[in-house]
Every structure is written in C-alpha cells, then in structure tokens.
Amino acid sequence: MKGSRDAALKLRLKEMIIEECEKEDEIIPAAVPDNVMLFSKASGLDLDSLDALSIIMGLQQQFGIRLSDSKAFRRHVTTINELADFIQPE
C-alpha cells in the first residue's frame, strides 16, 4: 500500500515528528494536516532546520532510513503524505 493511503503510518510519522521536535505540549498528531507543508506556518509545527535534523534522526531510528542532508530533505519531503510515500512507495 502506498504510504499516503496508510493512515496508521501517517499517524506514526506525525507522532514521531512531534516527539523528536519536542512539540508534545504544543500540538497533537491529529492536528497536523496531511497535505500541508511541514516547514510552513500552516502546519502548526513551527519547524526549523534543527527540527529537520531531529526528524532525520527519528526516521533513521524508527524506520531505518538514512538521509544525510537536511536541505534536501526539506526540498523533497514536504508534507506528511510525501514523507509517507517516501517511506512506503508502494
């Protein structure tokens, strides 16, 4: 199943992002939209470049995915749906 159609994967990604970026007191996973740019004000996450590194570390620990460049990550994986598809393409 393609990642963007996997509700459980998307929820897990939202929980991981919120935990890795220490936003637990600020936002709940269900409040993060699937199609909104993660690094935009609209996401409600208020993420920055340090958060991108934290997310990269979380992806490596929880999913075994290696991403070496936070700028490339922010260019190519912009929404929860795109991140889910990156992890689970088919």
Protein backbone atom coordinates (compact mmCIF):
# COMPACT_ATOMS: atom_id res chain seq x y z
CA MET A 1 0.00 0.00 0.00
CA LYS A 2 1.26 3.45 -0.88
CA GLY A 3 2.24 5.36 2.26
CA SER A 4 -0.08 8.32 1.68
CA ARG A 5 -3.02 5.89 1.85
CA ASP A 6 -1.81 4.30 5.10
CA ALA A 7 -3.48 6.16 7.97
CA ALA A 8 -1.51 4.24 10.62
CA LEU A 9 1.83 5.14 9.01
CA LYS A 10 0.86 8.82 8.72
CA LEU A 11 -0.19 8.92 12.38
CA ARG A 12 3.08 7.25 13.38
CA LEU A 13 5.03 9.86 11.37
CA LYS A 14 3.14 12.72 12.99
CA GLU A 15 3.78 11.27 16.46
CA MET A 16 7.47 10.80 15.66
CA ILE A 17 7.84 14.35 14.35
CA ILE A 18 6.09 15.85 17.37
CA GLU A 19 8.19 13.76 19.77
CA GLU A 20 11.54 14.32 18.02
CA CYS A 21 10.93 18.08 17.82
CA GLU A 22 9.70 18.26 21.42
CA LYS A 23 6.32 19.73 20.48
CA GLU A 24 4.19 17.44 22.69
CA ASP A 25 2.89 20.35 24.78
CA GLU A 26 2.07 22.43 21.70
CA ILE A 27 0.24 20.20 19.21
CA ILE A 28 -1.47 16.81 18.93
CA PRO A 29 -0.80 14.47 15.99
CA ALA A 30 -4.37 14.65 14.66
CA ALA A 31 -4.00 18.43 14.29
CA VAL A 32 -1.19 18.10 11.74
CA PRO A 33 -2.70 18.15 8.23
CA ASP A 34 -1.50 15.50 5.75
CA ASN A 35 -1.12 17.86 2.77
CA VAL A 36 0.31 21.00 4.37
CA MET A 37 3.98 21.88 4.01
CA LEU A 38 5.68 20.68 7.22
CA PHE A 39 8.04 23.65 7.33
CA SER A 40 5.30 26.26 6.89
CA LYS A 41 3.28 28.23 9.43
CA ALA A 42 0.14 26.42 8.22
CA SER A 43 1.39 23.11 9.66
CA GLY A 44 1.21 24.47 13.19
CA LEU A 45 4.52 22.77 13.99
CA ASP A 46 6.79 25.82 13.74
CA LEU A 47 9.70 23.69 12.49
CA ASP A 48 13.21 24.96 11.71
CA SER A 49 16.47 23.50 10.40
CA LEU A 50 17.33 21.94 13.78
CA ASP A 51 13.95 20.21 13.74
CA ALA A 52 14.76 18.86 10.26
CA LEU A 53 17.87 17.21 11.73
CA SER A 54 15.79 15.78 14.60
CA ILE A 55 13.28 14.37 12.12
CA ILE A 56 16.09 12.83 10.05
CA MET A 57 17.43 11.15 13.22
CA GLY A 58 13.94 9.89 14.09
CA LEU A 59 13.46 8.46 10.61
CA GLN A 60 16.77 6.65 10.90
CA GLN A 61 15.97 5.23 14.34
CA GLN A 62 12.35 4.27 13.74
CA PHE A 63 12.32 3.38 10.04
CA GLY A 64 15.97 2.61 9.21
CA ILE A 65 16.02 5.40 6.61
CA ARG A 66 19.24 7.34 6.09
CA LEU A 67 19.03 10.95 4.94
CA SER A 68 22.27 12.87 5.05
CA ASP A 69 21.21 16.38 4.02
CA SER A 70 18.53 18.35 5.88
CA LYS A 71 18.18 20.83 2.99
CA ALA A 72 17.50 18.04 0.50
CA PHE A 73 15.06 16.50 2.97
CA ARG A 74 13.16 19.79 3.26
CA ARG A 75 13.05 20.14 -0.55
CA HIS A 76 11.84 16.63 -1.36
CA VAL A 77 9.77 15.57 1.65
CA THR A 78 7.47 18.48 2.21
CA THR A 79 4.21 17.03 3.58
CA ILE A 80 3.12 14.06 5.70
CA ASN A 81 1.72 12.40 2.56
CA GLU A 82 5.03 12.85 0.69
CA LEU A 83 7.02 11.59 3.67
CA ALA A 84 4.75 8.53 3.92
CA ASP A 85 5.17 7.85 0.18
CA PHE A 86 8.95 8.26 0.53
CA ILE A 87 8.99 5.61 3.27
CA GLN A 88 6.43 3.30 1.68
CA PRO A 89 6.34 3.94 -2.10
CA GLU A 90 4.04 1.03 -2.99
